[in-house]
Amino acid sequence: MAIECTQVGGGTTAILTVPTDGSAPNGWAVTAMLFCNTVTNPQDEIYTDGGDTYLEVHFCASGAATGPENLVLNNIPIPAGETFSFNDEKIILSPGDVINASSTSPTNITATVSYMAI
């Protein structure tokens, strides 16, 4: 099992990409995704709505652009100092597949993805 940690920017950020170089020929299984709002004081948050930072996540097949057809988490509010967990389902990704995320703040959200080779 491995983890990937990424700062989610205000634009689209690739938080996990399955390599196409042959090192993951069968793809990866995502076991958990954690999204943490690292701001501890709501007054310090920028680009927020009432202290919440909003998150979007897309599962993009190899070569596909981020769009409404691959949106899986839409406008999830994450309050200051809180963490949102996505770990009820296991996601199977093929080589070239990408998990993209974006938030309403360019600095508040970190993503941690746990995955394993299949």
N, C-alpha and C. Protein backbone atom coordinates (compact mmCIF):
# COMPACT_ATOMS: atom_id res chain seq x y z
N MET A 1 0.84 -1.16 0.00
CA MET A 1 0.00 0.00 0.00
C MET A 1 0.89 1.23 0.00
N ALA A 2 0.39 2.31 -0.62
CA ALA A 2 1.15 3.56 -0.72
C ALA A 2 0.21 4.73 -0.50
N ILE A 3 0.79 5.90 -0.24
CA ILE A 3 -0.01 7.11 -0.13
C ILE A 3 0.59 8.20 -1.01
N GLU A 4 -0.28 9.09 -1.43
CA GLU A 4 0.12 10.26 -2.20
C GLU A 4 -0.52 11.47 -1.53
N CYS A 5 0.27 12.48 -1.18
CA CYS A 5 -0.23 13.69 -0.53
C CYS A 5 -0.02 14.88 -1.45
N THR A 6 -1.07 15.69 -1.61
CA THR A 6 -1.03 16.80 -2.57
C THR A 6 -1.80 17.99 -2.02
N GLN A 7 -1.30 19.20 -2.26
CA GLN A 7 -2.05 20.43 -1.97
C GLN A 7 -3.01 20.65 -3.12
N VAL A 8 -4.30 20.81 -2.82
CA VAL A 8 -5.30 21.05 -3.86
C VAL A 8 -5.38 22.55 -4.10
N GLY A 9 -5.08 22.95 -5.32
CA GLY A 9 -5.11 24.36 -5.66
C GLY A 9 -6.51 24.83 -6.04
N GLY A 10 -6.62 26.10 -6.37
CA GLY A 10 -7.89 26.67 -6.77
C GLY A 10 -8.34 26.17 -8.13
N GLY A 11 -7.38 25.80 -8.99
CA GLY A 11 -7.72 25.21 -10.29
C GLY A 11 -7.70 23.70 -10.16
N THR A 12 -7.79 23.02 -11.28
CA THR A 12 -7.77 21.56 -11.26
C THR A 12 -6.38 21.05 -10.91
N THR A 13 -6.32 20.14 -9.92
CA THR A 13 -5.07 19.55 -9.47
C THR A 13 -5.17 18.04 -9.58
N ALA A 14 -4.20 17.42 -10.26
CA ALA A 14 -4.15 15.96 -10.32
C ALA A 14 -3.64 15.46 -8.97
N ILE A 15 -4.48 14.73 -8.23
CA ILE A 15 -4.05 14.24 -6.92
C ILE A 15 -3.56 12.80 -6.99
N LEU A 16 -3.86 12.09 -8.08
CA LEU A 16 -3.33 10.75 -8.29
C LEU A 16 -3.42 10.41 -9.77
N THR A 17 -2.32 9.96 -10.35
CA THR A 17 -2.27 9.54 -11.74
C THR A 17 -1.61 8.17 -11.81
N VAL A 18 -2.29 7.22 -12.43
CA VAL A 18 -1.72 5.88 -12.59
C VAL A 18 -0.72 5.93 -13.74
N PRO A 19 0.50 5.52 -13.52
CA PRO A 19 1.51 5.62 -14.59
C PRO A 19 1.20 4.71 -15.77
N THR A 20 1.70 5.12 -16.92
CA THR A 20 1.52 4.33 -18.15
C THR A 20 2.83 3.71 -18.60
N ASP A 21 3.85 3.75 -17.75
CA ASP A 21 5.18 3.26 -18.12
C ASP A 21 5.37 1.76 -17.90
N GLY A 22 4.29 1.05 -17.55
CA GLY A 22 4.38 -0.38 -17.31
C GLY A 22 4.60 -0.74 -15.86
N SER A 23 4.81 0.25 -14.98
CA SER A 23 5.05 -0.03 -13.57
C SER A 23 3.76 -0.40 -12.83
N ALA A 24 2.61 -0.13 -13.43
CA ALA A 24 1.31 -0.49 -12.84
C ALA A 24 0.44 -1.11 -13.92
N PRO A 25 0.85 -2.26 -14.47
CA PRO A 25 0.16 -2.81 -15.64
C PRO A 25 -1.32 -3.14 -15.40
N ASN A 26 -1.68 -3.47 -14.17
CA ASN A 26 -3.08 -3.80 -13.86
C ASN A 26 -3.82 -2.66 -13.20
N GLY A 27 -3.15 -1.54 -13.00
CA GLY A 27 -3.77 -0.38 -12.38
C GLY A 27 -3.62 -0.37 -10.87
N TRP A 28 -4.35 0.52 -10.25
CA TRP A 28 -4.31 0.71 -8.81
C TRP A 28 -5.72 0.67 -8.25
N ALA A 29 -5.84 0.24 -7.00
CA ALA A 29 -7.09 0.30 -6.25
C ALA A 29 -6.94 1.40 -5.20
N VAL A 30 -7.82 2.38 -5.25
CA VAL A 30 -7.81 3.45 -4.26
C VAL A 30 -8.62 2.95 -3.06
N THR A 31 -7.99 2.95 -1.89
CA THR A 31 -8.65 2.44 -0.69
C THR A 31 -9.25 3.54 0.17
N ALA A 32 -8.71 4.74 0.09
CA ALA A 32 -9.25 5.86 0.86
C ALA A 32 -8.73 7.18 0.31
N MET A 33 -9.55 8.22 0.45
CA MET A 33 -9.13 9.58 0.13
C MET A 33 -9.55 10.47 1.30
N LEU A 34 -8.62 11.28 1.78
CA LEU A 34 -8.87 12.21 2.88
C LEU A 34 -8.58 13.62 2.39
N PHE A 35 -9.49 14.53 2.68
CA PHE A 35 -9.33 15.93 2.28
C PHE A 35 -9.42 16.78 3.54
N CYS A 36 -8.32 17.46 3.87
CA CYS A 36 -8.22 18.21 5.12
C CYS A 36 -8.17 19.71 4.84
N ASN A 37 -9.03 20.45 5.53
CA ASN A 37 -8.96 21.91 5.49
C ASN A 37 -7.96 22.31 6.57
N THR A 38 -6.79 22.74 6.17
CA THR A 38 -5.67 22.98 7.08
C THR A 38 -5.77 24.29 7.86
N VAL A 39 -6.74 25.12 7.54
CA VAL A 39 -6.91 26.38 8.27
C VAL A 39 -7.61 26.08 9.59
N THR A 40 -7.07 26.60 10.68
CA THR A 40 -7.67 26.34 11.98
C THR A 40 -8.54 27.49 12.48
N ASN A 41 -8.40 28.65 11.89
CA ASN A 41 -9.19 29.81 12.28
C ASN A 41 -10.01 30.26 11.07
N PRO A 42 -11.36 30.15 11.13
CA PRO A 42 -12.17 30.52 9.96
C PRO A 42 -11.93 31.94 9.46
N GLN A 43 -11.52 32.86 10.35
CA GLN A 43 -11.25 34.23 9.92
C GLN A 43 -10.01 34.31 9.02
N ASP A 44 -9.14 33.29 9.08
CA ASP A 44 -7.94 33.26 8.25
C ASP A 44 -8.19 32.68 6.86
N GLU A 45 -9.34 32.06 6.66
CA GLU A 45 -9.61 31.42 5.37
C GLU A 45 -9.84 32.46 4.29
N ILE A 46 -9.35 32.14 3.10
CA ILE A 46 -9.60 33.01 1.95
C ILE A 46 -10.47 32.25 0.96
N TYR A 47 -11.26 32.97 0.19
CA TYR A 47 -12.13 32.39 -0.83
C TYR A 47 -13.08 31.35 -0.23
N THR A 48 -13.69 31.70 0.91
CA THR A 48 -14.58 30.75 1.56
C THR A 48 -15.98 31.34 1.68
N ASP A 49 -16.90 30.51 2.08
CA ASP A 49 -18.29 30.90 2.29
C ASP A 49 -18.65 30.51 3.71
N GLY A 50 -18.65 31.47 4.63
CA GLY A 50 -18.98 31.18 6.01
C GLY A 50 -17.97 30.28 6.69
N GLY A 51 -16.71 30.30 6.27
CA GLY A 51 -15.68 29.47 6.88
C GLY A 51 -15.46 28.14 6.19
N ASP A 52 -16.34 27.78 5.26
CA ASP A 52 -16.19 26.51 4.55
C ASP A 52 -15.39 26.71 3.26
N THR A 53 -14.57 25.72 2.94
CA THR A 53 -13.94 25.63 1.63
C THR A 53 -14.64 24.49 0.90
N TYR A 54 -14.98 24.69 -0.36
CA TYR A 54 -15.75 23.70 -1.12
C TYR A 54 -14.84 22.89 -2.03
N LEU A 55 -15.12 21.59 -2.13
CA LEU A 55 -14.28 20.64 -2.85
C LEU A 55 -15.06 19.98 -3.98
N GLU A 56 -14.39 19.79 -5.11
CA GLU A 56 -14.90 18.96 -6.21
C GLU A 56 -13.85 17.92 -6.56
N VAL A 57 -14.30 16.69 -6.89
CA VAL A 57 -13.39 15.62 -7.28
C VAL A 57 -13.95 14.95 -8.53
N HIS A 58 -13.05 14.66 -9.47
CA HIS A 58 -13.39 13.99 -10.74
C HIS A 58 -12.53 12.74 -10.91
N PHE A 59 -13.14 11.65 -11.36
CA PHE A 59 -12.41 10.45 -11.76
C PHE A 59 -12.36 10.45 -13.28
N CYS A 60 -11.19 10.69 -13.84
CA CYS A 60 -11.04 10.85 -15.29
C CYS A 60 -10.35 9.63 -15.89
N ALA A 61 -11.02 9.00 -16.85
CA ALA A 61 -10.40 7.90 -17.58
C ALA A 61 -9.22 8.44 -18.37
N SER A 62 -8.30 7.57 -18.72
CA SER A 62 -7.10 7.95 -19.45
C SER A 62 -7.45 8.83 -20.65
N GLY A 63 -6.88 10.02 -20.72
CA GLY A 63 -7.09 10.93 -21.83
C GLY A 63 -8.33 11.80 -21.73
N ALA A 64 -9.19 11.56 -20.75
CA ALA A 64 -10.43 12.33 -20.62
C ALA A 64 -10.18 13.63 -19.87
N ALA A 65 -10.87 14.67 -20.28
CA ALA A 65 -10.77 15.96 -19.60
C ALA A 65 -11.73 15.98 -18.41
N THR A 66 -11.41 16.82 -17.44
CA THR A 66 -12.30 17.02 -16.30
C THR A 66 -13.59 17.68 -16.79
N GLY A 67 -14.73 17.12 -16.40
CA GLY A 67 -16.02 17.67 -16.82
C GLY A 67 -17.16 17.09 -16.01
N PRO A 68 -18.37 17.53 -16.29
CA PRO A 68 -19.52 17.07 -15.50
C PRO A 68 -19.76 15.57 -15.61
N GLU A 69 -19.30 14.95 -16.68
CA GLU A 69 -19.54 13.51 -16.87
C GLU A 69 -18.68 12.64 -15.95
N ASN A 70 -17.63 13.19 -15.33
CA ASN A 70 -16.81 12.39 -14.42
C ASN A 70 -16.70 13.02 -13.02
N LEU A 71 -17.65 13.89 -12.69
CA LEU A 71 -17.72 14.51 -11.37
C LEU A 71 -18.29 13.50 -10.37
N VAL A 72 -17.56 13.27 -9.27
CA VAL A 72 -18.04 12.32 -8.26
C VAL A 72 -18.30 12.98 -6.90
N LEU A 73 -17.64 14.08 -6.59
CA LEU A 73 -17.92 14.86 -5.40
C LEU A 73 -18.14 16.29 -5.84
N ASN A 74 -19.31 16.85 -5.51
CA ASN A 74 -19.68 18.16 -6.03
C ASN A 74 -19.94 19.13 -4.88
N ASN A 75 -19.12 20.17 -4.81
CA ASN A 75 -19.31 21.24 -3.82
C ASN A 75 -19.44 20.72 -2.40
N ILE A 76 -18.52 19.88 -1.98
CA ILE A 76 -18.51 19.35 -0.62
C ILE A 76 -17.93 20.42 0.31
N PRO A 77 -18.71 20.91 1.29
CA PRO A 77 -18.15 21.92 2.21
C PRO A 77 -17.26 21.26 3.25
N ILE A 78 -16.06 21.81 3.43
CA ILE A 78 -15.14 21.32 4.46
C ILE A 78 -14.81 22.51 5.37
N PRO A 79 -15.34 22.52 6.59
CA PRO A 79 -15.07 23.62 7.51
C PRO A 79 -13.60 23.69 7.93
N ALA A 80 -13.19 24.83 8.40
CA ALA A 80 -11.81 25.02 8.89
C ALA A 80 -11.49 23.97 9.95
N GLY A 81 -10.32 23.35 9.81
CA GLY A 81 -9.86 22.37 10.78
C GLY A 81 -10.49 21.00 10.67
N GLU A 82 -11.34 20.78 9.68
CA GLU A 82 -12.05 19.50 9.53
C GLU A 82 -11.48 18.69 8.37
N THR A 83 -11.79 17.38 8.38
CA THR A 83 -11.36 16.46 7.33
C THR A 83 -12.57 15.72 6.78
N PHE A 84 -12.64 15.62 5.45
CA PHE A 84 -13.68 14.85 4.77
C PHE A 84 -13.05 13.54 4.29
N SER A 85 -13.68 12.41 4.61
CA SER A 85 -13.18 11.08 4.22
C SER A 85 -14.05 10.47 3.15
N PHE A 86 -13.41 9.90 2.14
CA PHE A 86 -14.09 9.17 1.07
C PHE A 86 -13.46 7.78 1.08
N ASN A 87 -14.09 6.86 1.83
CA ASN A 87 -13.47 5.54 1.98
C ASN A 87 -14.48 4.40 2.05
N ASP A 88 -15.72 4.64 1.66
CA ASP A 88 -16.72 3.58 1.69
C ASP A 88 -16.62 2.65 0.48
N GLU A 89 -16.13 3.17 -0.62
CA GLU A 89 -16.01 2.40 -1.86
C GLU A 89 -14.55 2.32 -2.28
N LYS A 90 -14.17 1.23 -2.88
CA LYS A 90 -12.83 1.10 -3.45
C LYS A 90 -12.94 1.43 -4.94
N ILE A 91 -12.02 2.22 -5.42
CA ILE A 91 -12.04 2.69 -6.80
C ILE A 91 -10.88 2.02 -7.55
N ILE A 92 -11.20 1.39 -8.67
CA ILE A 92 -10.19 0.74 -9.50
C ILE A 92 -9.83 1.68 -10.64
N LEU A 93 -8.54 1.98 -10.76
CA LEU A 93 -8.05 2.86 -11.82
C LEU A 93 -7.12 2.10 -12.74
N SER A 94 -7.25 2.34 -14.03
CA SER A 94 -6.38 1.73 -15.04
C SER A 94 -5.22 2.66 -15.35
N PRO A 95 -4.17 2.15 -15.99
CA PRO A 95 -3.06 3.02 -16.38
C PRO A 95 -3.55 4.25 -17.16
N GLY A 96 -3.06 5.41 -16.77
CA GLY A 96 -3.44 6.67 -17.41
C GLY A 96 -4.62 7.36 -16.76
N ASP A 97 -5.39 6.66 -15.92
CA ASP A 97 -6.51 7.30 -15.23
C ASP A 97 -5.99 8.31 -14.21
N VAL A 98 -6.80 9.35 -13.97
CA VAL A 98 -6.39 10.44 -13.09
C VAL A 98 -7.54 10.80 -12.15
N ILE A 99 -7.21 11.08 -10.90
CA ILE A 99 -8.16 11.69 -9.99
C ILE A 99 -7.79 13.16 -9.88
N ASN A 100 -8.73 14.03 -10.27
CA ASN A 100 -8.53 15.48 -10.23
C ASN A 100 -9.39 16.08 -9.14
N ALA A 101 -8.87 17.11 -8.49
CA ALA A 101 -9.63 17.82 -7.46
C ALA A 101 -9.45 19.32 -7.64
N SER A 102 -10.41 20.08 -7.15
CA SER A 102 -10.30 21.53 -7.11
C SER A 102 -11.05 22.03 -5.88
N SER A 103 -10.70 23.22 -5.43
CA SER A 103 -11.39 23.79 -4.28
C SER A 103 -11.57 25.28 -4.49
N THR A 104 -12.41 25.87 -3.63
CA THR A 104 -12.67 27.30 -3.74
C THR A 104 -11.54 28.13 -3.16
N SER A 105 -10.57 27.49 -2.52
CA SER A 105 -9.40 28.19 -2.01
C SER A 105 -8.14 27.56 -2.58
N PRO A 106 -7.18 28.35 -3.01
CA PRO A 106 -5.95 27.77 -3.58
C PRO A 106 -4.97 27.23 -2.54
N THR A 107 -5.27 27.36 -1.25
CA THR A 107 -4.29 26.96 -0.25
C THR A 107 -4.83 26.13 0.91
N ASN A 108 -6.13 25.98 1.05
CA ASN A 108 -6.69 25.41 2.28
C ASN A 108 -6.77 23.88 2.32
N ILE A 109 -6.91 23.21 1.20
CA ILE A 109 -7.21 21.78 1.20
C ILE A 109 -5.98 20.95 0.81
N THR A 110 -5.70 19.93 1.61
CA THR A 110 -4.71 18.92 1.25
C THR A 110 -5.44 17.61 1.00
N ALA A 111 -4.93 16.84 0.05
CA ALA A 111 -5.51 15.54 -0.28
C ALA A 111 -4.50 14.45 0.03
N THR A 112 -4.97 13.40 0.69
CA THR A 112 -4.16 12.21 0.92
C THR A 112 -4.92 11.03 0.33
N VAL A 113 -4.26 10.32 -0.59
CA VAL A 113 -4.88 9.17 -1.26
C VAL A 113 -4.09 7.94 -0.91
N SER A 114 -4.79 6.93 -0.42
CA SER A 114 -4.18 5.62 -0.13
C SER A 114 -4.56 4.70 -1.28
N TYR A 115 -3.56 3.98 -1.81
CA TYR A 115 -3.82 3.10 -2.96
C TYR A 115 -2.88 1.92 -2.92
N MET A 116 -3.23 0.91 -3.72
CA MET A 116 -2.37 -0.27 -3.82
C MET A 116 -2.44 -0.80 -5.24
N ALA A 117 -1.36 -1.46 -5.66
CA ALA A 117 -1.31 -2.08 -6.98
C ALA A 117 -2.25 -3.28 -7.01
N ILE A 118 -2.83 -3.53 -8.18
CA ILE A 118 -3.69 -4.72 -8.33
C ILE A 118 -3.12 -5.63 -9.40
